[in-house]
Amino acid sequence: MFFLKVRVEKYISYEQPGFVLCTFNDVNGRKWRIVEKVPVLTAKNFQEDSLPIEGFYVAGEILSEEDNIISFSISKPWGIETDDRETKFKIFRYQISEESSG
């Protein structure tokens, strides 16, 4: 499994299990937004006053790779999508890890 590095920007909801707004940029510099449950991103506890936080990851799959540019999908394994319902992106190789930090 592969993981896309995201930045946790802010809490959206404190109701269990807690939801946060995450962002990442694609190869064209567009900022994408994902609202996701905290336990999907990490088992660690963190507080709103420590946000934004780098180094969280969303699972996905590499669809293709050419010249350090990855076509990446976040639809599997957890059905994640951006706030405008996109699931496939062109991102740089350095944005991907084979291990989650969570």
N, C-alpha and C. Protein backbone atom coordinates (compact mmCIF):
# COMPACT_ATOMS: atom_id res chain seq x y z
N MET A 1 0.84 -1.17 0.00
CA MET A 1 0.00 0.00 0.00
C MET A 1 0.89 1.24 0.00
N PHE A 2 0.41 2.30 -0.60
CA PHE A 2 1.13 3.56 -0.64
C PHE A 2 0.31 4.64 0.06
N PHE A 3 1.01 5.70 0.49
CA PHE A 3 0.37 6.75 1.27
C PHE A 3 0.75 8.12 0.73
N LEU A 4 -0.24 8.99 0.60
CA LEU A 4 -0.06 10.37 0.17
C LEU A 4 0.09 11.25 1.41
N LYS A 5 1.16 12.02 1.46
CA LYS A 5 1.38 12.92 2.58
C LYS A 5 0.40 14.09 2.49
N VAL A 6 -0.28 14.37 3.62
CA VAL A 6 -1.22 15.49 3.69
C VAL A 6 -0.90 16.36 4.91
N ARG A 7 -1.42 17.55 4.88
CA ARG A 7 -1.27 18.50 5.99
C ARG A 7 -2.63 18.64 6.67
N VAL A 8 -2.69 18.43 7.97
CA VAL A 8 -3.93 18.63 8.71
C VAL A 8 -4.01 20.11 9.06
N GLU A 9 -5.02 20.78 8.50
CA GLU A 9 -5.16 22.23 8.65
C GLU A 9 -5.97 22.64 9.88
N LYS A 10 -7.14 21.98 10.08
CA LYS A 10 -7.99 22.37 11.21
C LYS A 10 -9.04 21.30 11.48
N TYR A 11 -9.58 21.37 12.71
CA TYR A 11 -10.70 20.51 13.07
C TYR A 11 -11.96 21.05 12.40
N ILE A 12 -12.76 20.13 11.89
CA ILE A 12 -14.06 20.48 11.32
C ILE A 12 -15.17 20.14 12.31
N SER A 13 -15.00 19.00 13.00
CA SER A 13 -15.98 18.54 13.98
C SER A 13 -15.27 17.79 15.10
N TYR A 14 -15.68 18.08 16.34
CA TYR A 14 -15.12 17.38 17.49
C TYR A 14 -15.94 16.17 17.88
N GLU A 15 -17.13 16.01 17.29
CA GLU A 15 -17.95 14.85 17.60
C GLU A 15 -17.21 13.59 17.20
N GLN A 16 -17.38 12.53 18.04
CA GLN A 16 -16.69 11.27 17.75
C GLN A 16 -16.99 10.82 16.34
N PRO A 17 -16.01 10.43 15.57
CA PRO A 17 -14.61 10.21 15.95
C PRO A 17 -13.73 11.44 15.73
N GLY A 18 -14.30 12.57 15.37
CA GLY A 18 -13.54 13.78 15.06
C GLY A 18 -13.21 13.84 13.58
N PHE A 19 -13.42 15.01 12.98
CA PHE A 19 -13.13 15.21 11.56
C PHE A 19 -12.19 16.40 11.40
N VAL A 20 -11.23 16.26 10.47
CA VAL A 20 -10.28 17.34 10.21
C VAL A 20 -10.23 17.64 8.71
N LEU A 21 -9.80 18.86 8.42
CA LEU A 21 -9.57 19.28 7.05
C LEU A 21 -8.09 19.05 6.73
N CYS A 22 -7.83 18.28 5.67
CA CYS A 22 -6.47 18.00 5.22
C CYS A 22 -6.28 18.61 3.84
N THR A 23 -5.04 18.98 3.52
CA THR A 23 -4.75 19.52 2.20
C THR A 23 -3.47 18.90 1.64
N PHE A 24 -3.37 18.95 0.32
CA PHE A 24 -2.14 18.61 -0.39
C PHE A 24 -2.19 19.32 -1.73
N ASN A 25 -1.02 19.48 -2.36
CA ASN A 25 -0.94 20.13 -3.67
C ASN A 25 -0.59 19.11 -4.74
N ASP A 26 -1.14 19.31 -5.94
CA ASP A 26 -0.78 18.44 -7.06
C ASP A 26 0.40 19.05 -7.82
N VAL A 27 0.80 18.42 -8.93
CA VAL A 27 1.98 18.89 -9.68
C VAL A 27 1.79 20.27 -10.27
N ASN A 28 0.54 20.70 -10.44
CA ASN A 28 0.26 22.03 -10.99
C ASN A 28 0.11 23.10 -9.92
N GLY A 29 0.29 22.71 -8.65
CA GLY A 29 0.18 23.67 -7.56
C GLY A 29 -1.22 23.85 -7.02
N ARG A 30 -2.18 23.11 -7.56
CA ARG A 30 -3.55 23.22 -7.05
C ARG A 30 -3.63 22.58 -5.67
N LYS A 31 -4.27 23.29 -4.73
CA LYS A 31 -4.46 22.77 -3.38
C LYS A 31 -5.78 22.00 -3.35
N TRP A 32 -5.70 20.73 -2.94
CA TRP A 32 -6.86 19.86 -2.79
C TRP A 32 -7.20 19.74 -1.32
N ARG A 33 -8.50 19.61 -1.03
CA ARG A 33 -8.99 19.54 0.35
C ARG A 33 -9.72 18.22 0.59
N ILE A 34 -9.41 17.58 1.71
CA ILE A 34 -10.07 16.35 2.12
C ILE A 34 -10.56 16.54 3.55
N VAL A 35 -11.81 16.20 3.80
CA VAL A 35 -12.33 16.15 5.16
C VAL A 35 -12.39 14.68 5.54
N GLU A 36 -11.68 14.32 6.61
CA GLU A 36 -11.56 12.90 6.97
C GLU A 36 -11.60 12.71 8.48
N LYS A 37 -11.95 11.49 8.88
CA LYS A 37 -11.98 11.12 10.30
C LYS A 37 -10.55 11.04 10.84
N VAL A 38 -10.34 11.54 12.03
CA VAL A 38 -9.02 11.50 12.65
C VAL A 38 -8.46 10.08 12.71
N PRO A 39 -9.23 9.05 13.12
CA PRO A 39 -8.65 7.70 13.20
C PRO A 39 -8.20 7.12 11.86
N VAL A 40 -8.72 7.63 10.76
CA VAL A 40 -8.24 7.18 9.45
C VAL A 40 -6.82 7.68 9.21
N LEU A 41 -6.50 8.84 9.75
CA LEU A 41 -5.18 9.45 9.54
C LEU A 41 -4.15 8.99 10.56
N THR A 42 -4.58 8.78 11.80
CA THR A 42 -3.61 8.47 12.85
C THR A 42 -4.30 7.88 14.08
N ALA A 43 -3.54 7.12 14.85
CA ALA A 43 -4.00 6.65 16.15
C ALA A 43 -3.56 7.61 17.25
N LYS A 44 -2.72 8.58 16.89
CA LYS A 44 -2.19 9.55 17.85
C LYS A 44 -3.22 10.61 18.19
N ASN A 45 -3.10 11.17 19.38
CA ASN A 45 -3.94 12.30 19.77
C ASN A 45 -3.21 13.59 19.43
N PHE A 46 -3.96 14.57 18.95
CA PHE A 46 -3.39 15.89 18.77
C PHE A 46 -4.47 16.93 19.05
N GLN A 47 -4.05 18.11 19.41
CA GLN A 47 -4.96 19.18 19.81
C GLN A 47 -5.07 20.24 18.73
N GLU A 48 -6.19 20.95 18.75
CA GLU A 48 -6.41 21.99 17.76
C GLU A 48 -5.33 23.07 17.82
N ASP A 49 -4.82 23.37 19.00
CA ASP A 49 -3.81 24.43 19.10
C ASP A 49 -2.46 24.01 18.51
N SER A 50 -2.32 22.74 18.14
CA SER A 50 -1.09 22.29 17.49
C SER A 50 -1.21 22.26 15.97
N LEU A 51 -2.37 22.64 15.44
CA LEU A 51 -2.59 22.63 13.99
C LEU A 51 -2.10 23.92 13.37
N PRO A 52 -1.66 23.93 12.12
CA PRO A 52 -1.59 22.81 11.19
C PRO A 52 -0.42 21.88 11.50
N ILE A 53 -0.57 20.62 11.09
CA ILE A 53 0.44 19.59 11.31
C ILE A 53 0.76 18.90 9.98
N GLU A 54 2.04 18.78 9.71
CA GLU A 54 2.51 18.04 8.53
C GLU A 54 2.69 16.57 8.91
N GLY A 55 2.81 15.73 7.90
CA GLY A 55 3.24 14.36 8.13
C GLY A 55 2.16 13.34 8.40
N PHE A 56 0.94 13.62 7.98
CA PHE A 56 -0.10 12.61 8.05
C PHE A 56 -0.31 12.06 6.65
N TYR A 57 -0.90 10.88 6.57
CA TYR A 57 -0.97 10.18 5.29
C TYR A 57 -2.35 9.61 5.02
N VAL A 58 -2.73 9.63 3.73
CA VAL A 58 -3.96 9.03 3.25
C VAL A 58 -3.57 7.87 2.33
N ALA A 59 -4.14 6.69 2.58
CA ALA A 59 -3.80 5.51 1.79
C ALA A 59 -4.37 5.63 0.37
N GLY A 60 -3.67 4.99 -0.56
CA GLY A 60 -4.13 4.98 -1.94
C GLY A 60 -3.29 4.05 -2.78
N GLU A 61 -3.41 4.19 -4.09
CA GLU A 61 -2.67 3.32 -4.99
C GLU A 61 -2.05 4.13 -6.13
N ILE A 62 -0.88 3.70 -6.54
CA ILE A 62 -0.22 4.29 -7.69
C ILE A 62 -0.83 3.68 -8.94
N LEU A 63 -1.31 4.54 -9.84
CA LEU A 63 -1.89 4.08 -11.09
C LEU A 63 -0.84 4.02 -12.19
N SER A 64 0.08 4.99 -12.18
CA SER A 64 1.19 5.02 -13.14
C SER A 64 2.25 5.98 -12.64
N GLU A 65 3.44 5.89 -13.25
CA GLU A 65 4.54 6.78 -12.87
C GLU A 65 5.39 7.06 -14.10
N GLU A 66 5.75 8.34 -14.27
CA GLU A 66 6.64 8.74 -15.35
C GLU A 66 7.40 9.99 -14.94
N ASP A 67 8.73 9.92 -15.00
CA ASP A 67 9.59 11.06 -14.68
C ASP A 67 9.29 11.66 -13.31
N ASN A 68 9.16 10.82 -12.29
CA ASN A 68 8.90 11.25 -10.90
C ASN A 68 7.53 11.89 -10.70
N ILE A 69 6.65 11.75 -11.66
CA ILE A 69 5.27 12.20 -11.50
C ILE A 69 4.39 10.96 -11.42
N ILE A 70 3.58 10.92 -10.37
CA ILE A 70 2.73 9.76 -10.06
C ILE A 70 1.28 10.10 -10.35
N SER A 71 0.61 9.20 -11.01
CA SER A 71 -0.85 9.25 -11.07
C SER A 71 -1.32 8.40 -9.89
N PHE A 72 -2.03 9.04 -8.94
CA PHE A 72 -2.35 8.42 -7.66
C PHE A 72 -3.85 8.50 -7.40
N SER A 73 -4.41 7.42 -6.88
CA SER A 73 -5.83 7.38 -6.53
C SER A 73 -6.00 7.15 -5.04
N ILE A 74 -6.91 7.91 -4.42
CA ILE A 74 -7.21 7.75 -2.99
C ILE A 74 -8.55 7.04 -2.79
N SER A 75 -9.14 6.51 -3.85
CA SER A 75 -10.45 5.86 -3.72
C SER A 75 -10.35 4.50 -3.02
N LYS A 76 -9.22 3.83 -3.13
CA LYS A 76 -9.01 2.54 -2.44
C LYS A 76 -7.87 2.73 -1.45
N PRO A 77 -7.88 2.18 -0.30
CA PRO A 77 -8.82 1.16 0.18
C PRO A 77 -10.02 1.72 0.96
N TRP A 78 -10.04 3.03 1.28
CA TRP A 78 -11.04 3.55 2.21
C TRP A 78 -12.09 4.45 1.59
N GLY A 79 -12.11 4.57 0.27
CA GLY A 79 -13.15 5.37 -0.38
C GLY A 79 -13.05 6.86 -0.12
N ILE A 80 -11.84 7.36 0.05
CA ILE A 80 -11.64 8.79 0.34
C ILE A 80 -11.73 9.59 -0.96
N GLU A 81 -12.26 10.81 -0.85
CA GLU A 81 -12.31 11.73 -1.99
C GLU A 81 -12.16 13.16 -1.48
N THR A 82 -11.86 14.08 -2.39
CA THR A 82 -11.73 15.49 -2.01
C THR A 82 -13.11 16.10 -1.83
N ASP A 83 -13.13 17.34 -1.36
CA ASP A 83 -14.42 18.01 -1.15
C ASP A 83 -15.17 18.25 -2.45
N ASP A 84 -14.48 18.19 -3.61
CA ASP A 84 -15.19 18.27 -4.89
C ASP A 84 -15.23 16.91 -5.60
N ARG A 85 -15.13 15.84 -4.81
CA ARG A 85 -15.38 14.46 -5.21
C ARG A 85 -14.33 13.87 -6.17
N GLU A 86 -13.15 14.45 -6.21
CA GLU A 86 -12.06 13.89 -7.03
C GLU A 86 -11.33 12.81 -6.24
N THR A 87 -10.82 11.81 -6.97
CA THR A 87 -10.07 10.73 -6.32
C THR A 87 -8.73 10.46 -6.99
N LYS A 88 -8.47 11.02 -8.17
CA LYS A 88 -7.23 10.76 -8.90
C LYS A 88 -6.48 12.07 -9.13
N PHE A 89 -5.14 11.99 -8.93
CA PHE A 89 -4.32 13.19 -8.97
C PHE A 89 -2.96 12.89 -9.57
N LYS A 90 -2.34 13.91 -10.13
CA LYS A 90 -0.94 13.85 -10.54
C LYS A 90 -0.15 14.54 -9.44
N ILE A 91 0.75 13.78 -8.81
CA ILE A 91 1.55 14.32 -7.71
C ILE A 91 3.01 13.92 -7.92
N PHE A 92 3.89 14.54 -7.15
CA PHE A 92 5.31 14.22 -7.24
C PHE A 92 5.65 12.99 -6.42
N ARG A 93 6.66 12.27 -6.82
CA ARG A 93 7.10 11.04 -6.16
C ARG A 93 7.39 11.29 -4.67
N TYR A 94 7.96 12.45 -4.31
CA TYR A 94 8.32 12.71 -2.91
C TYR A 94 7.10 12.84 -2.00
N GLN A 95 5.91 12.98 -2.56
CA GLN A 95 4.69 13.10 -1.77
C GLN A 95 4.15 11.73 -1.34
N ILE A 96 4.77 10.65 -1.80
CA ILE A 96 4.32 9.30 -1.55
C ILE A 96 5.28 8.57 -0.62
N SER A 97 4.69 7.77 0.28
CA SER A 97 5.48 6.92 1.15
C SER A 97 4.90 5.50 1.09
N GLU A 98 5.74 4.52 1.36
CA GLU A 98 5.25 3.14 1.45
C GLU A 98 4.89 2.78 2.87
N GLU A 99 5.07 3.73 3.79
CA GLU A 99 4.72 3.53 5.19
C GLU A 99 3.98 4.74 5.69
N SER A 100 2.96 4.48 6.51
CA SER A 100 2.21 5.55 7.15
C SER A 100 2.91 5.93 8.44
N SER A 101 2.84 7.20 8.80
CA SER A 101 3.43 7.63 10.08
C SER A 101 2.46 7.44 11.23
N GLY A 102 1.20 7.12 10.92
CA GLY A 102 0.16 7.06 11.94
C GLY A 102 0.26 5.93 12.85
